[in-house]
């Protein structure tokens, strides 16, 4: 599981997939929703959380 402050950008999303990370938890959404779609398409669980 990867914890981040912002949802990943497209390049980071590709690296997350390549690294085999299975889940991403973020606090705030990045301005582009495409990386989230890419992660979901590659079976990476992604969700927004609050502190």
PDB file of N, CA and C in Angstrom:
ATOM      1  N   UNK A   1       0.850  -1.184   0.000  1.00  0.00           N
ATOM      2  CA  UNK A   1       0.000   0.000   0.000  1.00  0.00           C
ATOM      3  C   UNK A   1       0.888   1.236   0.000  1.00  0.00           C
ATOM      4  N   UNK A   2       0.517   2.192  -0.852  1.00  0.00           N
ATOM      5  CA  UNK A   2       1.240   3.453  -0.965  1.00  0.00           C
ATOM      6  C   UNK A   2       0.340   4.575  -0.460  1.00  0.00           C
ATOM      7  N   UNK A   3       0.824   5.369   0.493  1.00  0.00           N
ATOM      8  CA  UNK A   3       0.095   6.520   1.022  1.00  0.00           C
ATOM      9  C   UNK A   3       0.718   7.783   0.444  1.00  0.00           C
ATOM     10  N   UNK A   4      -0.111   8.649  -0.172  1.00  0.00           N
ATOM     11  CA  UNK A   4       0.383   9.879  -0.793  1.00  0.00           C
ATOM     12  C   UNK A   4      -0.558  11.040  -0.478  1.00  0.00           C
ATOM     13  N   UNK A   5      -0.053  12.267  -0.621  1.00  0.00           N
ATOM     14  CA  UNK A   5      -0.897  13.433  -0.352  1.00  0.00           C
ATOM     15  C   UNK A   5      -1.844  13.735  -1.509  1.00  0.00           C
ATOM     16  N   UNK A   6      -1.379  13.555  -2.747  1.00  0.00           N
ATOM     17  CA  UNK A   6      -2.200  13.788  -3.937  1.00  0.00           C
ATOM     18  C   UNK A   6      -2.364  12.490  -4.709  1.00  0.00           C
ATOM     19  N   UNK A   7      -3.500  12.339  -5.389  1.00  0.00           N
ATOM     20  CA  UNK A   7      -3.639  11.178  -6.261  1.00  0.00           C
ATOM     21  C   UNK A   7      -2.545  11.280  -7.329  1.00  0.00           C
ATOM     22  N   UNK A   8      -2.040  10.156  -7.805  1.00  0.00           N
ATOM     23  CA  UNK A   8      -0.876  10.163  -8.694  1.00  0.00           C
ATOM     24  C   UNK A   8      -1.131  10.833 -10.047  1.00  0.00           C
ATOM     25  N   UNK A   9      -0.085  11.438 -10.591  1.00  0.00           N
ATOM     26  CA  UNK A   9      -0.128  11.934 -11.963  1.00  0.00           C
ATOM     27  C   UNK A   9       0.033  10.723 -12.894  1.00  0.00           C
ATOM     28  N   UNK A  10      -0.065  10.958 -14.190  1.00  0.00           N
ATOM     29  CA  UNK A  10      -0.022   9.848 -15.150  1.00  0.00           C
ATOM     30  C   UNK A  10       1.314   9.093 -15.097  1.00  0.00           C
ATOM     31  N   UNK A  11       2.422   9.832 -15.073  1.00  0.00           N
ATOM     32  CA  UNK A  11       3.740   9.181 -15.047  1.00  0.00           C
ATOM     33  C   UNK A  11       3.928   8.381 -13.762  1.00  0.00           C
ATOM     34  N   UNK A  12       3.496   8.932 -12.645  1.00  0.00           N
ATOM     35  CA  UNK A  12       3.601   8.212 -11.371  1.00  0.00           C
ATOM     36  C   UNK A  12       2.711   6.977 -11.372  1.00  0.00           C
ATOM     37  N   UNK A  13       1.526   7.093 -11.968  1.00  0.00           N
ATOM     38  CA  UNK A  13       0.621   5.947 -12.051  1.00  0.00           C
ATOM     39  C   UNK A  13       1.286   4.801 -12.814  1.00  0.00           C
ATOM     40  N   UNK A  14       1.977   5.125 -13.898  1.00  0.00           N
ATOM     41  CA  UNK A  14       2.677   4.080 -14.664  1.00  0.00           C
ATOM     42  C   UNK A  14       3.761   3.417 -13.816  1.00  0.00           C
ATOM     43  N   UNK A  15       4.488   4.214 -13.033  1.00  0.00           N
ATOM     44  CA  UNK A  15       5.541   3.654 -12.174  1.00  0.00           C
ATOM     45  C   UNK A  15       4.950   2.805 -11.051  1.00  0.00           C
ATOM     46  N   UNK A  16       3.809   3.212 -10.529  1.00  0.00           N
ATOM     47  CA  UNK A  16       3.129   2.431  -9.484  1.00  0.00           C
ATOM     48  C   UNK A  16       2.751   1.061 -10.033  1.00  0.00           C
ATOM     49  N   UNK A  17       2.220   1.036 -11.241  1.00  0.00           N
ATOM     50  CA  UNK A  17       1.847  -0.235 -11.880  1.00  0.00           C
ATOM     51  C   UNK A  17       3.085  -1.098 -12.094  1.00  0.00           C
ATOM     52  N   UNK A  18       4.157  -0.513 -12.622  1.00  0.00           N
ATOM     53  CA  UNK A  18       5.390  -1.260 -12.876  1.00  0.00           C
ATOM     54  C   UNK A  18       6.002  -1.798 -11.596  1.00  0.00           C
ATOM     55  N   UNK A  19       5.847  -1.064 -10.500  1.00  0.00           N
ATOM     56  CA  UNK A  19       6.418  -1.491  -9.219  1.00  0.00           C
ATOM     57  C   UNK A  19       5.592  -2.589  -8.551  1.00  0.00           C
ATOM     58  N   UNK A  20       4.396  -2.837  -9.059  1.00  0.00           N
ATOM     59  CA  UNK A  20       3.564  -3.892  -8.489  1.00  0.00           C
ATOM     60  C   UNK A  20       2.822  -3.480  -7.227  1.00  0.00           C
ATOM     61  N   UNK A  21       2.670  -2.182  -7.009  1.00  0.00           N
ATOM     62  CA  UNK A  21       1.929  -1.701  -5.838  1.00  0.00           C
ATOM     63  C   UNK A  21       0.451  -1.992  -6.061  1.00  0.00           C
ATOM     64  N   UNK A  22      -0.200  -2.562  -5.064  1.00  0.00           N
ATOM     65  CA  UNK A  22      -1.582  -3.023  -5.249  1.00  0.00           C
ATOM     66  C   UNK A  22      -2.643  -2.046  -4.755  1.00  0.00           C
ATOM     67  N   UNK A  23      -2.240  -1.053  -3.965  1.00  0.00           N
ATOM     68  CA  UNK A  23      -3.226  -0.110  -3.431  1.00  0.00           C
ATOM     69  C   UNK A  23      -2.588   1.255  -3.210  1.00  0.00           C
ATOM     70  N   UNK A  24      -3.346   2.310  -3.536  1.00  0.00           N
ATOM     71  CA  UNK A  24      -2.901   3.685  -3.327  1.00  0.00           C
ATOM     72  C   UNK A  24      -3.984   4.410  -2.531  1.00  0.00           C
ATOM     73  N   UNK A  25      -3.568   5.084  -1.473  1.00  0.00           N
ATOM     74  CA  UNK A  25      -4.481   5.877  -0.653  1.00  0.00           C
ATOM     75  C   UNK A  25      -3.971   7.313  -0.682  1.00  0.00           C
ATOM     76  N   UNK A  26      -4.854   8.248  -1.054  1.00  0.00           N
ATOM     77  CA  UNK A  26      -4.448   9.645  -1.182  1.00  0.00           C
ATOM     78  C   UNK A  26      -5.386  10.561  -0.411  1.00  0.00           C
ATOM     79  N   UNK A  27      -4.902  11.781  -0.118  1.00  0.00           N
ATOM     80  CA  UNK A  27      -5.707  12.754   0.617  1.00  0.00           C
ATOM     81  C   UNK A  27      -6.501  13.673  -0.307  1.00  0.00           C
ATOM     82  N   UNK A  28      -5.843  14.227  -1.313  1.00  0.00           N
ATOM     83  CA  UNK A  28      -6.504  15.165  -2.224  1.00  0.00           C
ATOM     84  C   UNK A  28      -6.361  14.673  -3.658  1.00  0.00           C
ATOM     85  N   UNK A  29      -7.355  15.017  -4.480  1.00  0.00           N
ATOM     86  CA  UNK A  29      -7.337  14.560  -5.865  1.00  0.00           C
ATOM     87  C   UNK A  29      -6.507  15.489  -6.745  1.00  0.00           C
ATOM     88  N   UNK A  30      -5.685  14.882  -7.593  1.00  0.00           N
ATOM     89  CA  UNK A  30      -4.896  15.595  -8.591  1.00  0.00           C
ATOM     90  C   UNK A  30      -5.848  16.133  -9.650  1.00  0.00           C
ATOM     91  N   UNK A  31      -5.453  17.147 -10.371  1.00  0.00           N
ATOM     92  CA  UNK A  31      -6.345  17.804 -11.331  1.00  0.00           C
ATOM     93  C   UNK A  31      -6.790  16.921 -12.498  1.00  0.00           C
ATOM     94  N   UNK A  32      -6.104  15.821 -12.748  1.00  0.00           N
ATOM     95  CA  UNK A  32      -6.415  14.945 -13.880  1.00  0.00           C
ATOM     96  C   UNK A  32      -6.922  13.601 -13.367  1.00  0.00           C
ATOM     97  N   UNK A  33      -8.071  13.155 -13.852  1.00  0.00           N
ATOM     98  CA  UNK A  33      -8.651  11.885 -13.399  1.00  0.00           C
ATOM     99  C   UNK A  33      -8.148  10.686 -14.202  1.00  0.00           C
ATOM    100  N   UNK A  34      -7.477  10.914 -15.317  1.00  0.00           N
ATOM    101  CA  UNK A  34      -7.011   9.806 -16.161  1.00  0.00           C
ATOM    102  C   UNK A  34      -6.078   8.834 -15.436  1.00  0.00           C
ATOM    103  N   UNK A  35      -5.151   9.314 -14.603  1.00  0.00           N
ATOM    104  CA  UNK A  35      -4.284   8.363 -13.895  1.00  0.00           C
ATOM    105  C   UNK A  35      -5.064   7.399 -13.002  1.00  0.00           C
ATOM    106  N   UNK A  36      -6.151   7.865 -12.401  1.00  0.00           N
ATOM    107  CA  UNK A  36      -6.969   6.987 -11.562  1.00  0.00           C
ATOM    108  C   UNK A  36      -7.587   5.888 -12.418  1.00  0.00           C
ATOM    109  N   UNK A  37      -8.068   6.252 -13.593  1.00  0.00           N
ATOM    110  CA  UNK A  37      -8.646   5.262 -14.512  1.00  0.00           C
ATOM    111  C   UNK A  37      -7.589   4.237 -14.921  1.00  0.00           C
ATOM    112  N   UNK A  38      -6.370   4.707 -15.182  1.00  0.00           N
ATOM    113  CA  UNK A  38      -5.279   3.808 -15.563  1.00  0.00           C
ATOM    114  C   UNK A  38      -4.977   2.819 -14.443  1.00  0.00           C
ATOM    115  N   UNK A  39      -4.914   3.307 -13.210  1.00  0.00           N
ATOM    116  CA  UNK A  39      -4.642   2.425 -12.074  1.00  0.00           C
ATOM    117  C   UNK A  39      -5.753   1.392 -11.913  1.00  0.00           C
ATOM    118  N   UNK A  40      -7.001   1.839 -11.992  1.00  0.00           N
ATOM    119  CA  UNK A  40      -8.130   0.914 -11.848  1.00  0.00           C
ATOM    120  C   UNK A  40      -8.136  -0.130 -12.957  1.00  0.00           C
ATOM    121  N   UNK A  41      -7.810   0.286 -14.175  1.00  0.00           N
ATOM    122  CA  UNK A  41      -7.750  -0.638 -15.314  1.00  0.00           C
ATOM    123  C   UNK A  41      -6.693  -1.718 -15.085  1.00  0.00           C
ATOM    124  N   UNK A  42      -5.656  -1.376 -14.327  1.00  0.00           N
ATOM    125  CA  UNK A  42      -4.567  -2.313 -14.049  1.00  0.00           C
ATOM    126  C   UNK A  42      -4.693  -2.950 -12.668  1.00  0.00           C
ATOM    127  N   UNK A  43      -5.917  -2.968 -12.140  1.00  0.00           N
ATOM    128  CA  UNK A  43      -6.244  -3.654 -10.882  1.00  0.00           C
ATOM    129  C   UNK A  43      -5.511  -3.119  -9.658  1.00  0.00           C
ATOM    130  N   UNK A  44      -5.220  -1.820  -9.669  1.00  0.00           N
ATOM    131  CA  UNK A  44      -4.658  -1.172  -8.488  1.00  0.00           C
ATOM    132  C   UNK A  44      -5.825  -0.510  -7.757  1.00  0.00           C
ATOM    133  N   UNK A  45      -6.015  -0.867  -6.508  1.00  0.00           N
ATOM    134  CA  UNK A  45      -7.071  -0.241  -5.707  1.00  0.00           C
ATOM    135  C   UNK A  45      -6.630   1.176  -5.377  1.00  0.00           C
ATOM    136  N   UNK A  46      -7.524   2.131  -5.561  1.00  0.00           N
ATOM    137  CA  UNK A  46      -7.192   3.519  -5.248  1.00  0.00           C
ATOM    138  C   UNK A  46      -8.383   4.153  -4.550  1.00  0.00           C
ATOM    139  N   UNK A  47      -8.078   4.851  -3.446  1.00  0.00           N
ATOM    140  CA  UNK A  47      -9.170   5.489  -2.707  1.00  0.00           C
ATOM    141  C   UNK A  47      -8.675   6.739  -2.008  1.00  0.00           C
ATOM    142  N   UNK A  48      -9.627   7.637  -1.811  1.00  0.00           N
ATOM    143  CA  UNK A  48      -9.335   8.877  -1.102  1.00  0.00           C
ATOM    144  C   UNK A  48      -9.635   8.676   0.371  1.00  0.00           C
ATOM    145  N   UNK A  49      -8.803   9.257   1.203  1.00  0.00           N
ATOM    146  CA  UNK A  49      -8.965   9.138   2.644  1.00  0.00           C
ATOM    147  C   UNK A  49      -8.846  10.515   3.278  1.00  0.00           C
ATOM    148  N   UNK A  50      -9.275  10.614   4.502  1.00  0.00           N
ATOM    149  CA  UNK A  50      -9.086  11.849   5.257  1.00  0.00           C
ATOM    150  C   UNK A  50      -8.344  11.512   6.540  1.00  0.00           C
ATOM    151  N   UNK A  51      -7.683  12.481   7.080  1.00  0.00           N
ATOM    152  CA  UNK A  51      -6.916  12.245   8.305  1.00  0.00           C
ATOM    153  C   UNK A  51      -7.832  12.316   9.498  1.00  0.00           C
TER     154      UNK A  51
END
